[in-house]
Amino acid sequence: GFEVQVLKAVDEKLPDYKFNYNPTSDEDLLIGLESGKYDIGTKGAWKTPEREQKFIIPEEKIAASVIGLTYRTADKAKYSNLEDFAKQNGKLIPISPQNAQYKVIEDFNAANPKTPIKLDAADQFTISDAYAWLLEGRYDGFFDIKLSFDNSVLAADGPYHDYASKLSYVPYKGIPTYPIIHKNATNESFAKAYDKAIKELEADGTLTKLSKKYFGEDVFSYLKD
């Protein structure tokens, strides 16, 4: 995928390092990074205080995770953005406090105190029935990652493609994502080398080119200052 191709481009810029690639699950990746089995890994990870304590998180992002609102297509006239959803008192599917998306809504509410979104805490990290709940009318919106919506709903082979005409999506913002690096002194130096290489790849347009190839758009354009 995109992040692997970025790391391959980083590898080409770092003659002092040689990357070996190992496909793995998210759970094994985190365990392997913490134990030192792996030196670096990618999983679309957002920067959080907990991760910064356990791992080395570079200064420079590797990608951007576009987050936004999935809602019923029948409500398209009501919701052109997340602000509209808040003003219309839309009912949002609960989010686990352990999910970084919870903090995004908290920040939105802090910036919009007159029209906050009611934020309920879910007791599970993944809401597998979210799309069905929208169509049942139990909730009005699902705070969703754009790539998940594209792959699950819009893609012809997506598990929820039958809902494609009934659900719509509006992006809110991009969240920078970072590789996760095993914490030791050697890798502190590697993280600095990674940062230098990524800056060069951003400057020469490689990141944008790869983003358009793998996502069909420049995901970095969704990032807000």
C-alpha atoms as a PDB file:
ATOM      1  CA  GLY A   1       0.000   0.000   0.000  1.00  0.00           C
ATOM      2  CA  PHE A   2       0.821   3.672   0.137  1.00  0.00           C
ATOM      3  CA  GLU A   3       2.826   3.684   3.378  1.00  0.00           C
ATOM      4  CA  VAL A   4       4.999   0.759   2.236  1.00  0.00           C
ATOM      5  CA  GLN A   5       5.802   2.612  -0.981  1.00  0.00           C
ATOM      6  CA  VAL A   6       6.729   5.711   1.011  1.00  0.00           C
ATOM      7  CA  LEU A   7       9.067   3.659   3.190  1.00  0.00           C
ATOM      8  CA  LYS A   8      10.648   2.183   0.061  1.00  0.00           C
ATOM      9  CA  ALA A   9      11.256   5.730  -1.176  1.00  0.00           C
ATOM     10  CA  VAL A  10      12.745   6.602   2.229  1.00  0.00           C
ATOM     11  CA  ASP A  11      14.961   3.521   2.013  1.00  0.00           C
ATOM     12  CA  GLU A  12      16.362   4.706  -1.314  1.00  0.00           C
ATOM     13  CA  LYS A  13      17.415   7.963   0.323  1.00  0.00           C
ATOM     14  CA  LEU A  14      19.150   6.266   3.269  1.00  0.00           C
ATOM     15  CA  PRO A  15      22.190   4.293   2.028  1.00  0.00           C
ATOM     16  CA  ASP A  16      23.235   3.583   5.626  1.00  0.00           C
ATOM     17  CA  TYR A  17      20.065   1.578   6.242  1.00  0.00           C
ATOM     18  CA  LYS A  18      18.531  -1.495   4.592  1.00  0.00           C
ATOM     19  CA  PHE A  19      14.818  -2.200   5.060  1.00  0.00           C
ATOM     20  CA  ASN A  20      13.374  -5.717   5.247  1.00  0.00           C
ATOM     21  CA  TYR A  21       9.585  -5.840   4.932  1.00  0.00           C
ATOM     22  CA  ASN A  22       7.362  -8.202   6.935  1.00  0.00           C
ATOM     23  CA  PRO A  23       3.561  -8.256   6.491  1.00  0.00           C
ATOM     24  CA  THR A  24       1.809  -8.676   9.825  1.00  0.00           C
ATOM     25  CA  SER A  25      -1.338  -7.897  11.810  1.00  0.00           C
ATOM     26  CA  ASP A  26      -1.872  -4.673  13.760  1.00  0.00           C
ATOM     27  CA  GLU A  27      -1.679  -6.538  17.068  1.00  0.00           C
ATOM     28  CA  ASP A  28       1.530  -8.378  16.186  1.00  0.00           C
ATOM     29  CA  LEU A  29       3.024  -5.155  14.861  1.00  0.00           C
ATOM     30  CA  LEU A  30       2.573  -3.312  18.163  1.00  0.00           C
ATOM     31  CA  ILE A  31       3.804  -6.266  20.228  1.00  0.00           C
ATOM     32  CA  GLY A  32       6.765  -6.717  17.878  1.00  0.00           C
ATOM     33  CA  LEU A  33       7.679  -3.030  17.984  1.00  0.00           C
ATOM     34  CA  GLU A  34       7.506  -2.909  21.760  1.00  0.00           C
ATOM     35  CA  SER A  35       9.669  -6.024  22.130  1.00  0.00           C
ATOM     36  CA  GLY A  36      12.182  -4.984  19.480  1.00  0.00           C
ATOM     37  CA  LYS A  37      11.268  -7.722  17.009  1.00  0.00           C
ATOM     38  CA  TYR A  38      10.628  -4.922  14.505  1.00  0.00           C
ATOM     39  CA  ASP A  39      12.338  -1.534  14.294  1.00  0.00           C
ATOM     40  CA  ILE A  40       9.637   0.341  12.392  1.00  0.00           C
ATOM     41  CA  GLY A  41       6.055  -0.297  11.395  1.00  0.00           C
ATOM     42  CA  THR A  42       3.086   1.463   9.824  1.00  0.00           C
ATOM     43  CA  LYS A  43      -0.616   1.046  10.533  1.00  0.00           C
ATOM     44  CA  GLY A  44      -2.122   4.453   9.798  1.00  0.00           C
ATOM     45  CA  ALA A  45      -1.233   5.422  13.362  1.00  0.00           C
ATOM     46  CA  TRP A  46      -2.175   8.794  14.820  1.00  0.00           C
ATOM     47  CA  LYS A  47       0.160  10.443  17.315  1.00  0.00           C
ATOM     48  CA  THR A  48      -1.080   9.978  20.886  1.00  0.00           C
ATOM     49  CA  PRO A  49       0.570  10.573  24.285  1.00  0.00           C
ATOM     50  CA  GLU A  50       0.391   6.843  25.030  1.00  0.00           C
ATOM     51  CA  ARG A  51       2.217   5.918  21.832  1.00  0.00           C
ATOM     52  CA  GLU A  52       4.829   8.613  22.393  1.00  0.00           C
ATOM     53  CA  GLN A  53       5.611   7.059  25.772  1.00  0.00           C
ATOM     54  CA  LYS A  54       6.057   3.553  24.386  1.00  0.00           C
ATOM     55  CA  PHE A  55       7.627   4.246  21.002  1.00  0.00           C
ATOM     56  CA  ILE A  56       9.602   6.751  18.992  1.00  0.00           C
ATOM     57  CA  ILE A  57       7.223   8.794  16.858  1.00  0.00           C
ATOM     58  CA  PRO A  58       9.073  10.821  14.188  1.00  0.00           C
ATOM     59  CA  GLU A  59       8.460  14.521  13.725  1.00  0.00           C
ATOM     60  CA  GLU A  60       7.410  14.110  10.095  1.00  0.00           C
ATOM     61  CA  LYS A  61       4.132  12.441   9.089  1.00  0.00           C
ATOM     62  CA  ILE A  62       4.048   9.615   6.566  1.00  0.00           C
ATOM     63  CA  ALA A  63       0.430  10.114   5.442  1.00  0.00           C
ATOM     64  CA  ALA A  64      -2.909  11.606   6.430  1.00  0.00           C
ATOM     65  CA  SER A  65      -5.993   9.777   7.629  1.00  0.00           C
ATOM     66  CA  VAL A  66      -9.069  11.599   6.337  1.00  0.00           C
ATOM     67  CA  ILE A  67     -11.858  11.591   8.922  1.00  0.00           C
ATOM     68  CA  GLY A  68     -15.429  12.676   8.338  1.00  0.00           C
ATOM     69  CA  LEU A  69     -19.111  11.922   8.578  1.00  0.00           C
ATOM     70  CA  THR A  70     -21.076   9.041   7.071  1.00  0.00           C
ATOM     71  CA  TYR A  71     -24.810   9.739   6.960  1.00  0.00           C
ATOM     72  CA  ARG A  72     -27.971   8.731   5.112  1.00  0.00           C
ATOM     73  CA  THR A  73     -28.062  10.009   1.534  1.00  0.00           C
ATOM     74  CA  ALA A  74     -31.656  11.082   2.200  1.00  0.00           C
ATOM     75  CA  ASP A  75     -30.231  13.710   4.573  1.00  0.00           C
ATOM     76  CA  LYS A  76     -27.805  15.138   2.006  1.00  0.00           C
ATOM     77  CA  ALA A  77     -29.559  18.519   1.951  1.00  0.00           C
ATOM     78  CA  LYS A  78     -29.119  18.809   5.721  1.00  0.00           C
ATOM     79  CA  TYR A  79     -25.443  17.927   6.132  1.00  0.00           C
ATOM     80  CA  SER A  80     -22.860  19.504   3.854  1.00  0.00           C
ATOM     81  CA  ASN A  81     -20.232  19.425   6.613  1.00  0.00           C
ATOM     82  CA  LEU A  82     -19.740  18.452  10.265  1.00  0.00           C
ATOM     83  CA  GLU A  83     -20.797  21.920  11.392  1.00  0.00           C
ATOM     84  CA  ASP A  84     -24.205  21.425   9.740  1.00  0.00           C
ATOM     85  CA  PHE A  85     -24.572  18.090  11.512  1.00  0.00           C
ATOM     86  CA  ALA A  86     -23.913  19.796  14.844  1.00  0.00           C
ATOM     87  CA  LYS A  87     -26.341  22.659  14.153  1.00  0.00           C
ATOM     88  CA  GLN A  88     -29.056  20.172  13.180  1.00  0.00           C
ATOM     89  CA  ASN A  89     -28.521  18.261  16.447  1.00  0.00           C
ATOM     90  CA  GLY A  90     -27.623  15.109  14.546  1.00  0.00           C
ATOM     91  CA  LYS A  91     -27.328  12.006  16.695  1.00  0.00           C
ATOM     92  CA  LEU A  92     -23.803  10.581  16.428  1.00  0.00           C
ATOM     93  CA  ILE A  93     -23.000   6.899  16.870  1.00  0.00           C
ATOM     94  CA  PRO A  94     -21.058   6.512  20.160  1.00  0.00           C
ATOM     95  CA  ILE A  95     -17.257   6.442  19.994  1.00  0.00           C
ATOM     96  CA  SER A  96     -14.931   4.570  22.337  1.00  0.00           C
ATOM     97  CA  PRO A  97     -12.890   6.995  24.507  1.00  0.00           C
ATOM     98  CA  GLN A  98      -9.861   4.844  23.610  1.00  0.00           C
ATOM     99  CA  ASN A  99     -10.402   5.735  19.961  1.00  0.00           C
ATOM    100  CA  ALA A 100      -8.493   8.842  18.841  1.00  0.00           C
ATOM    101  CA  GLN A 101     -11.652   9.936  16.991  1.00  0.00           C
ATOM    102  CA  TYR A 102     -13.240  10.654  20.371  1.00  0.00           C
ATOM    103  CA  LYS A 103     -10.675  13.400  20.963  1.00  0.00           C
ATOM    104  CA  VAL A 104     -11.378  14.898  17.519  1.00  0.00           C
ATOM    105  CA  ILE A 105     -15.048  15.367  18.436  1.00  0.00           C
ATOM    106  CA  GLU A 106     -14.057  16.739  21.845  1.00  0.00           C
ATOM    107  CA  ASP A 107     -11.843  19.293  20.092  1.00  0.00           C
ATOM    108  CA  PHE A 108     -14.662  20.148  17.673  1.00  0.00           C
ATOM    109  CA  ASN A 109     -17.014  20.766  20.594  1.00  0.00           C
ATOM    110  CA  ALA A 110     -14.445  22.936  22.353  1.00  0.00           C
ATOM    111  CA  ALA A 111     -14.159  25.049  19.200  1.00  0.00           C
ATOM    112  CA  ASN A 112     -17.957  25.172  18.739  1.00  0.00           C
ATOM    113  CA  PRO A 113     -19.376  25.587  22.263  1.00  0.00           C
ATOM    114  CA  LYS A 114     -22.712  26.971  21.033  1.00  0.00           C
ATOM    115  CA  THR A 115     -23.395  23.987  18.753  1.00  0.00           C
ATOM    116  CA  PRO A 116     -21.598  20.940  20.178  1.00  0.00           C
ATOM    117  CA  ILE A 117     -22.162  17.398  18.994  1.00  0.00           C
ATOM    118  CA  LYS A 118     -23.560  15.109  21.695  1.00  0.00           C
ATOM    119  CA  LEU A 119     -20.709  12.673  22.300  1.00  0.00           C
ATOM    120  CA  ASP A 120     -21.597   9.342  23.889  1.00  0.00           C
ATOM    121  CA  ALA A 121     -18.939   6.842  24.921  1.00  0.00           C
ATOM    122  CA  ALA A 122     -19.083   3.398  23.310  1.00  0.00           C
ATOM    123  CA  ASP A 123     -18.049   0.324  25.304  1.00  0.00           C
ATOM    124  CA  GLN A 124     -16.338  -1.222  22.284  1.00  0.00           C
ATOM    125  CA  PHE A 125     -13.586   0.132  20.041  1.00  0.00           C
ATOM    126  CA  THR A 126     -15.094  -1.001  16.722  1.00  0.00           C
ATOM    127  CA  ILE A 127     -18.789  -0.551  15.936  1.00  0.00           C
ATOM    128  CA  SER A 128     -19.435  -3.271  13.373  1.00  0.00           C
ATOM    129  CA  ASP A 129     -23.118  -2.393  12.945  1.00  0.00           C
ATOM    130  CA  ALA A 130     -22.602   1.339  12.399  1.00  0.00           C
ATOM    131  CA  TYR A 131     -23.785   1.492   8.777  1.00  0.00           C
ATOM    132  CA  ALA A 132     -26.854  -0.612   9.538  1.00  0.00           C
ATOM    133  CA  TRP A 133     -27.694   1.604  12.526  1.00  0.00           C
ATOM    134  CA  LEU A 134     -27.730   4.646  10.251  1.00  0.00           C
ATOM    135  CA  LEU A 135     -30.136   3.030   7.815  1.00  0.00           C
ATOM    136  CA  GLU A 136     -32.354   1.854  10.671  1.00  0.00           C
ATOM    137  CA  GLY A 137     -32.579   5.468  11.856  1.00  0.00           C
ATOM    138  CA  ARG A 138     -31.121   4.727  15.292  1.00  0.00           C
ATOM    139  CA  TYR A 139     -28.451   7.379  14.645  1.00  0.00           C
ATOM    140  CA  ASP A 140     -27.914  10.140  12.098  1.00  0.00           C
ATOM    141  CA  GLY A 141     -24.155  10.047  11.647  1.00  0.00           C
ATOM    142  CA  PHE A 142     -21.079   7.866  12.008  1.00  0.00           C
ATOM    143  CA  PHE A 143     -17.659   9.484  12.459  1.00  0.00           C
ATOM    144  CA  ASP A 144     -15.734   7.441   9.946  1.00  0.00           C
ATOM    145  CA  ILE A 145     -12.386   7.208   8.182  1.00  0.00           C
ATOM    146  CA  LYS A 146     -12.783   8.009   4.488  1.00  0.00           C
ATOM    147  CA  LEU A 147     -10.677   5.069   3.360  1.00  0.00           C
ATOM    148  CA  SER A 148     -12.891   2.703   5.372  1.00  0.00           C
ATOM    149  CA  PHE A 149     -16.012   4.162   3.768  1.00  0.00           C
ATOM    150  CA  ASP A 150     -14.470   3.924   0.302  1.00  0.00           C
ATOM    151  CA  ASN A 151     -13.380   0.308   0.790  1.00  0.00           C
ATOM    152  CA  SER A 152     -16.443  -0.909   2.688  1.00  0.00           C
ATOM    153  CA  VAL A 153     -19.272   0.945   0.947  1.00  0.00           C
ATOM    154  CA  LEU A 154     -18.175   2.429  -2.374  1.00  0.00           C
ATOM    155  CA  ALA A 155     -15.940  -0.409  -3.571  1.00  0.00           C
ATOM    156  CA  ALA A 156     -17.794  -2.943  -5.732  1.00  0.00           C
ATOM    157  CA  ASP A 157     -16.458  -5.783  -3.585  1.00  0.00           C
ATOM    158  CA  GLY A 158     -16.982  -3.948  -0.288  1.00  0.00           C
ATOM    159  CA  PRO A 159     -18.952  -5.795   2.418  1.00  0.00           C
ATOM    160  CA  TYR A 160     -21.511  -2.949   2.569  1.00  0.00           C
ATOM    161  CA  HIS A 161     -21.666  -2.076  -1.123  1.00  0.00           C
ATOM    162  CA  ASP A 162     -25.410  -2.720  -1.090  1.00  0.00           C
ATOM    163  CA  TYR A 163     -25.655   0.486   0.950  1.00  0.00           C
ATOM    164  CA  ALA A 164     -23.762   2.606  -1.589  1.00  0.00           C
ATOM    165  CA  SER A 165     -26.816   4.480  -2.843  1.00  0.00           C
ATOM    166  CA  LYS A 166     -28.196   4.932   0.663  1.00  0.00           C
ATOM    167  CA  LEU A 167     -25.131   6.300   2.444  1.00  0.00           C
ATOM    168  CA  SER A 168     -23.030   9.389   1.762  1.00  0.00           C
ATOM    169  CA  TYR A 169     -19.811  10.782   3.187  1.00  0.00           C
ATOM    170  CA  VAL A 170     -18.448  14.257   3.834  1.00  0.00           C
ATOM    171  CA  PRO A 171     -14.819  14.738   4.961  1.00  0.00           C
ATOM    172  CA  TYR A 172     -14.055  16.860   8.012  1.00  0.00           C
ATOM    173  CA  LYS A 173     -10.266  17.020   8.180  1.00  0.00           C
ATOM    174  CA  GLY A 174      -7.064  15.075   7.733  1.00  0.00           C
ATOM    175  CA  ILE A 175      -5.184  13.673  10.725  1.00  0.00           C
ATOM    176  CA  PRO A 176      -1.423  13.171  10.254  1.00  0.00           C
ATOM    177  CA  THR A 177      -0.285   9.561  10.581  1.00  0.00           C
ATOM    178  CA  TYR A 178       3.175   8.401  11.544  1.00  0.00           C
ATOM    179  CA  PRO A 179       5.328   5.299  11.480  1.00  0.00           C
ATOM    180  CA  ILE A 180       5.975   3.732  14.885  1.00  0.00           C
ATOM    181  CA  ILE A 181       9.582   3.019  15.814  1.00  0.00           C
ATOM    182  CA  HIS A 182      11.005   0.751  18.522  1.00  0.00           C
ATOM    183  CA  LYS A 183      12.484   2.889  21.271  1.00  0.00           C
ATOM    184  CA  ASN A 184      16.253   2.589  21.640  1.00  0.00           C
ATOM    185  CA  ALA A 185      19.267   4.861  21.127  1.00  0.00           C
ATOM    186  CA  THR A 186      20.084   3.536  17.644  1.00  0.00           C
ATOM    187  CA  ASN A 187      16.577   4.150  16.423  1.00  0.00           C
ATOM    188  CA  GLU A 188      16.617   7.715  17.747  1.00  0.00           C
ATOM    189  CA  SER A 189      19.231   8.392  15.066  1.00  0.00           C
ATOM    190  CA  PHE A 190      17.184   6.501  12.488  1.00  0.00           C
ATOM    191  CA  ALA A 191      14.116   8.624  13.266  1.00  0.00           C
ATOM    192  CA  LYS A 192      16.102  11.760  12.471  1.00  0.00           C
ATOM    193  CA  ALA A 193      17.283  10.240   9.186  1.00  0.00           C
ATOM    194  CA  TYR A 194      13.682   9.302   8.372  1.00  0.00           C
ATOM    195  CA  ASP A 195      12.558  12.882   9.042  1.00  0.00           C
ATOM    196  CA  LYS A 196      15.171  14.264   6.671  1.00  0.00           C
ATOM    197  CA  ALA A 197      14.226  11.808   3.917  1.00  0.00           C
ATOM    198  CA  ILE A 198      10.475  12.473   4.268  1.00  0.00           C
ATOM    199  CA  LYS A 199      11.018  16.228   4.005  1.00  0.00           C
ATOM    200  CA  GLU A 200      12.855  15.657   0.739  1.00  0.00           C
ATOM    201  CA  LEU A 201      10.076  13.385  -0.581  1.00  0.00           C
ATOM    202  CA  GLU A 202       7.491  16.000   0.319  1.00  0.00           C
ATOM    203  CA  ALA A 203       9.483  18.773  -1.342  1.00  0.00           C
ATOM    204  CA  ASP A 204      10.045  16.881  -4.602  1.00  0.00           C
ATOM    205  CA  GLY A 205       6.363  15.894  -4.900  1.00  0.00           C
ATOM    206  CA  THR A 206       6.843  12.160  -4.324  1.00  0.00           C
ATOM    207  CA  LEU A 207       4.366  11.999  -1.438  1.00  0.00           C
ATOM    208  CA  THR A 208       1.640  13.740  -3.423  1.00  0.00           C
ATOM    209  CA  LYS A 209       2.310  11.557  -6.466  1.00  0.00           C
ATOM    210  CA  LEU A 210       2.064   8.346  -4.444  1.00  0.00           C
ATOM    211  CA  SER A 211      -1.063   9.587  -2.663  1.00  0.00           C
ATOM    212  CA  LYS A 212      -2.849  10.222  -5.951  1.00  0.00           C
ATOM    213  CA  LYS A 213      -1.768   6.804  -7.219  1.00  0.00           C
ATOM    214  CA  TYR A 214      -2.974   4.850  -4.192  1.00  0.00           C
ATOM    215  CA  PHE A 215      -5.868   6.981  -2.908  1.00  0.00           C
ATOM    216  CA  GLY A 216      -6.967   8.724  -6.095  1.00  0.00           C
ATOM    217  CA  GLU A 217      -6.414  12.119  -4.458  1.00  0.00           C
ATOM    218  CA  ASP A 218      -3.937  14.159  -2.425  1.00  0.00           C
ATOM    219  CA  VAL A 219      -4.825  13.181   1.151  1.00  0.00           C
ATOM    220  CA  PHE A 220      -2.406  15.811   2.473  1.00  0.00           C
ATOM    221  CA  SER A 221      -4.718  18.515   1.142  1.00  0.00           C
ATOM    222  CA  TYR A 222      -7.170  17.644   3.928  1.00  0.00           C
ATOM    223  CA  LEU A 223      -4.712  18.636   6.643  1.00  0.00           C
ATOM    224  CA  LYS A 224      -5.612  21.814   8.501  1.00  0.00           C
ATOM    225  CA  ASP A 225      -3.184  24.078  10.306  1.00  0.00           C
END
